[in-house]
PDB file of N, CA and C in Angstrom:
ATOM      1  N   MET A   1     152.676  -3.348 -75.883  1.00  0.00           N
ATOM      2  CA  MET A   1     153.806  -2.523 -75.518  1.00  0.00           C
ATOM      3  C   MET A   1     153.299  -1.115 -75.223  1.00  0.00           C
ATOM      4  N   PRO A   2     153.127  -0.755 -73.954  1.00  0.00           N
ATOM      5  CA  PRO A   2     152.675   0.591 -73.617  1.00  0.00           C
ATOM      6  C   PRO A   2     153.736   1.641 -73.949  1.00  0.00           C
ATOM      7  N   TYR A   3     153.258   2.787 -74.376  1.00  0.00           N
ATOM      8  CA  TYR A   3     154.103   3.942 -74.678  1.00  0.00           C
ATOM      9  C   TYR A   3     153.437   5.141 -74.025  1.00  0.00           C
ATOM     10  N   VAL A   4     154.133   5.780 -73.100  1.00  0.00           N
ATOM     11  CA  VAL A   4     153.598   6.943 -72.397  1.00  0.00           C
ATOM     12  C   VAL A   4     154.547   8.101 -72.631  1.00  0.00           C
ATOM     13  N   GLU A   5     153.994   9.264 -72.990  1.00  0.00           N
ATOM     14  CA  GLU A   5     154.826  10.436 -73.244  1.00  0.00           C
ATOM     15  C   GLU A   5     154.367  11.594 -72.369  1.00  0.00           C
ATOM     16  N   PHE A   6     155.311  12.202 -71.673  1.00  0.00           N
ATOM     17  CA  PHE A   6     155.063  13.395 -70.876  1.00  0.00           C
ATOM     18  C   PHE A   6     155.695  14.588 -71.567  1.00  0.00           C
ATOM     19  N   ASN A   7     154.994  15.691 -71.600  1.00  0.00           N
ATOM     20  CA  ASN A   7     155.554  16.956 -72.045  1.00  0.00           C
ATOM     21  C   ASN A   7     155.568  17.876 -70.833  1.00  0.00           C
ATOM     22  N   LEU A   8     156.774  18.278 -70.427  1.00  0.00           N
ATOM     23  CA  LEU A   8     156.958  19.115 -69.249  1.00  0.00           C
ATOM     24  C   LEU A   8     157.796  20.329 -69.603  1.00  0.00           C
ATOM     25  N   THR A   9     157.565  21.428 -68.890  1.00  0.00           N
ATOM     26  CA  THR A   9     158.513  22.527 -69.026  1.00  0.00           C
ATOM     27  C   THR A   9     159.797  22.099 -68.326  1.00  0.00           C
ATOM     28  N   LYS A  10     160.917  22.608 -68.805  1.00  0.00           N
ATOM     29  CA  LYS A  10     162.215  22.228 -68.247  1.00  0.00           C
ATOM     30  C   LYS A  10     162.291  22.596 -66.775  1.00  0.00           C
ATOM     31  N   GLY A  11     163.027  21.783 -66.041  1.00  0.00           N
ATOM     32  CA  GLY A  11     163.234  22.092 -64.637  1.00  0.00           C
ATOM     33  C   GLY A  11     163.183  20.890 -63.722  1.00  0.00           C
ATOM     34  N   ALA A  12     162.627  19.779 -64.172  1.00  0.00           N
ATOM     35  CA  ALA A  12     162.593  18.582 -63.340  1.00  0.00           C
ATOM     36  C   ALA A  12     164.010  18.039 -63.191  1.00  0.00           C
ATOM     37  N   THR A  13     164.309  17.549 -62.018  1.00  0.00           N
ATOM     38  CA  THR A  13     165.629  16.961 -61.783  1.00  0.00           C
ATOM     39  C   THR A  13     165.690  15.556 -62.379  1.00  0.00           C
ATOM     40  N   ALA A  14     166.895  15.046 -62.496  1.00  0.00           N
ATOM     41  CA  ALA A  14     167.074  13.672 -62.992  1.00  0.00           C
ATOM     42  C   ALA A  14     166.354  12.694 -62.069  1.00  0.00           C
ATOM     43  N   GLU A  15     166.409  12.924 -60.770  1.00  0.00           N
ATOM     44  CA  GLU A  15     165.736  12.053 -59.806  1.00  0.00           C
ATOM     45  C   GLU A  15     164.216  12.103 -59.990  1.00  0.00           C
ATOM     46  N   GLN A  16     163.658  13.284 -60.203  1.00  0.00           N
ATOM     47  CA  GLN A  16     162.209  13.403 -60.422  1.00  0.00           C
ATOM     48  C   GLN A  16     161.784  12.670 -61.686  1.00  0.00           C
ATOM     49  N   LYS A  17     162.580  12.798 -62.737  1.00  0.00           N
ATOM     50  CA  LYS A  17     162.257  12.108 -63.981  1.00  0.00           C
ATOM     51  C   LYS A  17     162.359  10.596 -63.799  1.00  0.00           C
ATOM     52  N   ALA A  18     163.353  10.142 -63.061  1.00  0.00           N
ATOM     53  CA  ALA A  18     163.484   8.703 -62.789  1.00  0.00           C
ATOM     54  C   ALA A  18     162.274   8.199 -62.004  1.00  0.00           C
ATOM     55  N   GLN A  19     161.803   8.990 -61.056  1.00  0.00           N
ATOM     56  CA  GLN A  19     160.623   8.610 -60.283  1.00  0.00           C
ATOM     57  C   GLN A  19     159.384   8.542 -61.157  1.00  0.00           C
ATOM     58  N   LEU A  20     159.255   9.467 -62.112  1.00  0.00           N
ATOM     59  CA  LEU A  20     158.129   9.418 -63.047  1.00  0.00           C
ATOM     60  C   LEU A  20     158.162   8.137 -63.872  1.00  0.00           C
ATOM     61  N   VAL A  21     159.323   7.823 -64.427  1.00  0.00           N
ATOM     62  CA  VAL A  21     159.460   6.623 -65.256  1.00  0.00           C
ATOM     63  C   VAL A  21     159.114   5.378 -64.443  1.00  0.00           C
ATOM     64  N   GLU A  22     159.669   5.280 -63.251  1.00  0.00           N
ATOM     65  CA  GLU A  22     159.408   4.116 -62.413  1.00  0.00           C
ATOM     66  C   GLU A  22     157.947   4.054 -61.973  1.00  0.00           C
ATOM     67  N   GLY A  23     157.404   5.190 -61.561  1.00  0.00           N
ATOM     68  CA  GLY A  23     156.024   5.219 -61.072  1.00  0.00           C
ATOM     69  C   GLY A  23     155.002   4.890 -62.141  1.00  0.00           C
ATOM     70  N   VAL A  24     155.192   5.430 -63.331  1.00  0.00           N
ATOM     71  CA  VAL A  24     154.259   5.154 -64.427  1.00  0.00           C
ATOM     72  C   VAL A  24     154.358   3.693 -64.843  1.00  0.00           C
ATOM     73  N   THR A  25     155.574   3.190 -64.904  1.00  0.00           N
ATOM     74  CA  THR A  25     155.749   1.776 -65.243  1.00  0.00           C
ATOM     75  C   THR A  25     155.051   0.893 -64.215  1.00  0.00           C
ATOM     76  N   ASP A  26     155.265   1.181 -62.937  1.00  0.00           N
ATOM     77  CA  ASP A  26     154.620   0.399 -61.874  1.00  0.00           C
ATOM     78  C   ASP A  26     153.095   0.483 -61.967  1.00  0.00           C
ATOM     79  N   LEU A  27     152.577   1.662 -62.278  1.00  0.00           N
ATOM     80  CA  LEU A  27     151.129   1.838 -62.394  1.00  0.00           C
ATOM     81  C   LEU A  27     150.557   1.001 -63.542  1.00  0.00           C
ATOM     82  N   LEU A  28     151.246   0.977 -64.678  1.00  0.00           N
ATOM     83  CA  LEU A  28     150.780   0.175 -65.810  1.00  0.00           C
ATOM     84  C   LEU A  28     150.821  -1.319 -65.495  1.00  0.00           C
ATOM     85  N   VAL A  29     151.814  -1.733 -64.739  1.00  0.00           N
ATOM     86  CA  VAL A  29     151.887  -3.136 -64.319  1.00  0.00           C
ATOM     87  C   VAL A  29     150.724  -3.454 -63.383  1.00  0.00           C
ATOM     88  N   LYS A  30     150.494  -2.590 -62.409  1.00  0.00           N
ATOM     89  CA  LYS A  30     149.462  -2.826 -61.396  1.00  0.00           C
ATOM     90  C   LYS A  30     148.046  -2.767 -61.974  1.00  0.00           C
ATOM     91  N   VAL A  31     147.752  -1.741 -62.762  1.00  0.00           N
ATOM     92  CA  VAL A  31     146.387  -1.527 -63.236  1.00  0.00           C
ATOM     93  C   VAL A  31     146.056  -2.349 -64.476  1.00  0.00           C
ATOM     94  N   LEU A  32     147.000  -2.443 -65.408  1.00  0.00           N
ATOM     95  CA  LEU A  32     146.718  -3.104 -66.687  1.00  0.00           C
ATOM     96  C   LEU A  32     147.481  -4.412 -66.880  1.00  0.00           C
ATOM     97  N   ASP A  33     148.241  -4.826 -65.875  1.00  0.00           N
ATOM     98  CA  ASP A  33     149.023  -6.051 -65.950  1.00  0.00           C
ATOM     99  C   ASP A  33     149.971  -6.055 -67.148  1.00  0.00           C
ATOM    100  N   LYS A  34     150.589  -4.903 -67.402  1.00  0.00           N
ATOM    101  CA  LYS A  34     151.526  -4.781 -68.522  1.00  0.00           C
ATOM    102  C   LYS A  34     152.909  -5.270 -68.123  1.00  0.00           C
ATOM    103  N   ASN A  35     153.671  -5.682 -69.100  1.00  0.00           N
ATOM    104  CA  ASN A  35     155.027  -6.157 -68.889  1.00  0.00           C
ATOM    105  C   ASN A  35     155.962  -4.949 -68.755  1.00  0.00           C
ATOM    106  N   PRO A  36     156.632  -4.804 -67.617  1.00  0.00           N
ATOM    107  CA  PRO A  36     157.509  -3.650 -67.455  1.00  0.00           C
ATOM    108  C   PRO A  36     158.688  -3.648 -68.436  1.00  0.00           C
ATOM    109  N   SER A  37     159.068  -4.811 -68.909  1.00  0.00           N
ATOM    110  CA  SER A  37     160.193  -4.893 -69.851  1.00  0.00           C
ATOM    111  C   SER A  37     159.890  -4.269 -71.199  1.00  0.00           C
ATOM    112  N   SER A  38     158.604  -4.170 -71.539  1.00  0.00           N
ATOM    113  CA  SER A  38     158.244  -3.583 -72.834  1.00  0.00           C
ATOM    114  C   SER A  38     157.551  -2.236 -72.683  1.00  0.00           C
ATOM    115  N   THR A  39     157.519  -1.694 -71.476  1.00  0.00           N
ATOM    116  CA  THR A  39     156.876  -0.408 -71.229  1.00  0.00           C
ATOM    117  C   THR A  39     157.865   0.721 -71.496  1.00  0.00           C
ATOM    118  N   GLN A  40     157.435   1.671 -72.308  1.00  0.00           N
ATOM    119  CA  GLN A  40     158.284   2.807 -72.661  1.00  0.00           C
ATOM    120  C   GLN A  40     157.687   4.091 -72.088  1.00  0.00           C
ATOM    121  N   VAL A  41     158.521   4.882 -71.442  1.00  0.00           N
ATOM    122  CA  VAL A  41     158.099   6.178 -70.905  1.00  0.00           C
ATOM    123  C   VAL A  41     159.062   7.228 -71.446  1.00  0.00           C
ATOM    124  N   ILE A  42     158.504   8.218 -72.118  1.00  0.00           N
ATOM    125  CA  ILE A  42     159.297   9.272 -72.739  1.00  0.00           C
ATOM    126  C   ILE A  42     158.976  10.591 -72.040  1.00  0.00           C
ATOM    127  N   ILE A  43     160.008  11.339 -71.698  1.00  0.00           N
ATOM    128  CA  ILE A  43     159.820  12.657 -71.100  1.00  0.00           C
ATOM    129  C   ILE A  43     160.433  13.683 -72.043  1.00  0.00           C
ATOM    130  N   LYS A  44     159.597  14.576 -72.543  1.00  0.00           N
ATOM    131  CA  LYS A  44     160.066  15.656 -73.409  1.00  0.00           C
ATOM    132  C   LYS A  44     160.015  16.952 -72.606  1.00  0.00           C
ATOM    133  N   GLU A  45     161.128  17.650 -72.607  1.00  0.00           N
ATOM    134  CA  GLU A  45     161.199  18.915 -71.880  1.00  0.00           C
ATOM    135  C   GLU A  45     161.142  20.084 -72.867  1.00  0.00           C
ATOM    136  N   ILE A  46     160.315  21.053 -72.524  1.00  0.00           N
ATOM    137  CA  ILE A  46     160.065  22.188 -73.399  1.00  0.00           C
ATOM    138  C   ILE A  46     160.415  23.470 -72.658  1.00  0.00           C
ATOM    139  N   GLU A  47     161.062  24.376 -73.321  1.00  0.00           N
ATOM    140  CA  GLU A  47     161.384  25.677 -72.723  1.00  0.00           C
ATOM    141  C   GLU A  47     160.094  26.379 -72.315  1.00  0.00           C
ATOM    142  N   SER A  48     160.128  27.069 -71.187  1.00  0.00           N
ATOM    143  CA  SER A  48     158.917  27.719 -70.679  1.00  0.00           C
ATOM    144  C   SER A  48     158.430  28.852 -71.573  1.00  0.00           C
ATOM    145  N   ASP A  49     159.311  29.395 -72.413  1.00  0.00           N
ATOM    146  CA  ASP A  49     158.851  30.429 -73.352  1.00  0.00           C
ATOM    147  C   ASP A  49     158.258  29.820 -74.620  1.00  0.00           C
ATOM    148  N   SER A  50     158.282  28.490 -74.721  1.00  0.00           N
ATOM    149  CA  SER A  50     157.689  27.796 -75.862  1.00  0.00           C
ATOM    150  C   SER A  50     156.399  27.078 -75.486  1.00  0.00           C
ATOM    151  N   TRP A  51     155.869  27.345 -74.288  1.00  0.00           N
ATOM    152  CA  TRP A  51     154.638  26.720 -73.809  1.00  0.00           C
ATOM    153  C   TRP A  51     153.704  27.838 -73.386  1.00  0.00           C
ATOM    154  N   GLY A  52     152.527  27.874 -73.959  1.00  0.00           N
ATOM    155  CA  GLY A  52     151.585  28.942 -73.637  1.00  0.00           C
ATOM    156  C   GLY A  52     150.331  28.447 -72.954  1.00  0.00           C
ATOM    157  N   ILE A  53     149.815  29.263 -72.052  1.00  0.00           N
ATOM    158  CA  ILE A  53     148.558  29.012 -71.365  1.00  0.00           C
ATOM    159  C   ILE A  53     147.793  30.323 -71.319  1.00  0.00           C
ATOM    160  N   SER A  54     146.561  30.283 -71.717  1.00  0.00           N
ATOM    161  CA  SER A  54     145.702  31.479 -71.677  1.00  0.00           C
ATOM    162  C   SER A  54     146.313  32.669 -72.411  1.00  0.00           C
ATOM    163  N   GLY A  55     146.983  32.383 -73.522  1.00  0.00           N
ATOM    164  CA  GLY A  55     147.514  33.466 -74.350  1.00  0.00           C
ATOM    165  C   GLY A  55     148.848  34.025 -73.902  1.00  0.00           C
ATOM    166  N   ARG A  56     149.464  33.442 -72.871  1.00  0.00           N
ATOM    167  CA  ARG A  56     150.766  33.911 -72.396  1.00  0.00           C
ATOM    168  C   ARG A  56     151.699  32.718 -72.228  1.00  0.00           C
ATOM    169  N   SER A  57     152.987  32.986 -72.411  1.00  0.00           N
ATOM    170  CA  SER A  57     153.957  31.913 -72.205  1.00  0.00           C
ATOM    171  C   SER A  57     154.053  31.601 -70.711  1.00  0.00           C
ATOM    172  N   VAL A  58     154.424  30.371 -70.416  1.00  0.00           N
ATOM    173  CA  VAL A  58     154.621  29.983 -69.019  1.00  0.00           C
ATOM    174  C   VAL A  58     155.728  30.828 -68.402  1.00  0.00           C
ATOM    175  N   LYS A  59     156.752  31.139 -69.172  1.00  0.00           N
ATOM    176  CA  LYS A  59     157.836  31.986 -68.669  1.00  0.00           C
ATOM    177  C   LYS A  59     157.285  33.324 -68.202  1.00  0.00           C
ATOM    178  N   ARG A  60     156.443  33.926 -69.004  1.00  0.00           N
ATOM    179  CA  ARG A  60     155.853  35.226 -68.636  1.00  0.00           C
ATOM    180  C   ARG A  60     154.940  35.085 -67.419  1.00  0.00           C
ATOM    181  N   LEU A  61     154.108  34.046 -67.414  1.00  0.00           N
ATOM    182  CA  LEU A  61     153.214  33.829 -66.279  1.00  0.00           C
ATOM    183  C   LEU A  61     154.000  33.640 -64.983  1.00  0.00           C
ATOM    184  N   ARG A  62     155.096  32.898 -65.051  1.00  0.00           N
ATOM    185  CA  ARG A  62     155.928  32.711 -63.858  1.00  0.00           C
ATOM    186  C   ARG A  62     156.532  34.030 -63.405  1.00  0.00           C
ATOM    187  N   ALA A  63     157.000  34.830 -64.359  1.00  0.00           N
ATOM    188  CA  ALA A  63     157.582  36.135 -64.022  1.00  0.00           C
ATOM    189  C   ALA A  63     156.549  37.044 -63.361  1.00  0.00           C
ATOM    190  N   GLU A  64     155.301  36.907 -63.765  1.00  0.00           N
ATOM    191  CA  GLU A  64     154.218  37.718 -63.202  1.00  0.00           C
ATOM    192  C   GLU A  64     153.658  37.110 -61.911  1.00  0.00           C
ATOM    193  N   GLY A  65     154.174  35.929 -61.536  1.00  0.00           N
ATOM    194  CA  GLY A  65     153.692  35.266 -60.329  1.00  0.00           C
ATOM    195  C   GLY A  65     152.286  34.720 -60.464  1.00  0.00           C
ATOM    196  N   LYS A  66     151.912  34.339 -61.676  1.00  0.00           N
ATOM    197  CA  LYS A  66     150.542  33.887 -61.946  1.00  0.00           C
ATOM    198  C   LYS A  66     150.462  32.403 -62.276  1.00  0.00           C
ATOM    199  N   THR A  67     151.292  31.607 -61.642  1.00  0.00           N
ATOM    200  CA  THR A  67     151.269  30.173 -61.936  1.00  0.00           C
ATOM    201  C   THR A  67     150.836  29.323 -60.746  1.00  0.00           C
ATOM    202  N   ALA A  68     150.346  29.939 -59.707  1.00  0.00           N
ATOM    203  CA  ALA A  68     149.979  29.190 -58.500  1.00  0.00           C
ATOM    204  C   ALA A  68     148.997  28.059 -58.778  1.00  0.00           C
ATOM    205  N   ASN A  69     148.082  28.278 -59.683  1.00  0.00           N
ATOM    206  CA  ASN A  69     147.068  27.236 -59.956  1.00  0.00           C
ATOM    207  C   ASN A  69     147.426  26.365 -61.157  1.00  0.00           C
ATOM    208  N   ILE A  70     148.564  26.593 -61.783  1.00  0.00           N
ATOM    209  CA  ILE A  70     148.939  25.770 -62.934  1.00  0.00           C
ATOM    210  C   ILE A  70     150.273  25.059 -62.764  1.00  0.00           C
ATOM    211  N   SER A  71     151.120  25.502 -61.858  1.00  0.00           N
ATOM    212  CA  SER A  71     152.389  24.825 -61.610  1.00  0.00           C
ATOM    213  C   SER A  71     152.971  25.290 -60.290  1.00  0.00           C
ATOM    214  N   LYS A  72     154.005  24.593 -59.851  1.00  0.00           N
ATOM    215  CA  LYS A  72     154.640  24.930 -58.581  1.00  0.00           C
ATOM    216  C   LYS A  72     155.675  26.023 -58.733  1.00  0.00           C
ATOM    217  N   ASP A  73     156.113  26.326 -59.956  1.00  0.00           N
ATOM    218  CA  ASP A  73     157.151  27.330 -60.173  1.00  0.00           C
ATOM    219  C   ASP A  73     156.560  28.696 -60.416  1.00  0.00           C
TER     220      ASP A  73
END
């Protein structure tokens, strides 16, 4: 029973999250021949001020325009 967990900063749409769940499930079926019925994909969303990179919160980095190489926002 595969279990995959993503930790993302908040902001993904419901459609994007659905695509992640479907895509990861399909990948596990294709690469590892796993049963999609028992595959679990969990998406945890974290506030950008609760995620830090290089000593600064993602919220601050985004405000400073310094996220080009770490995220699309």
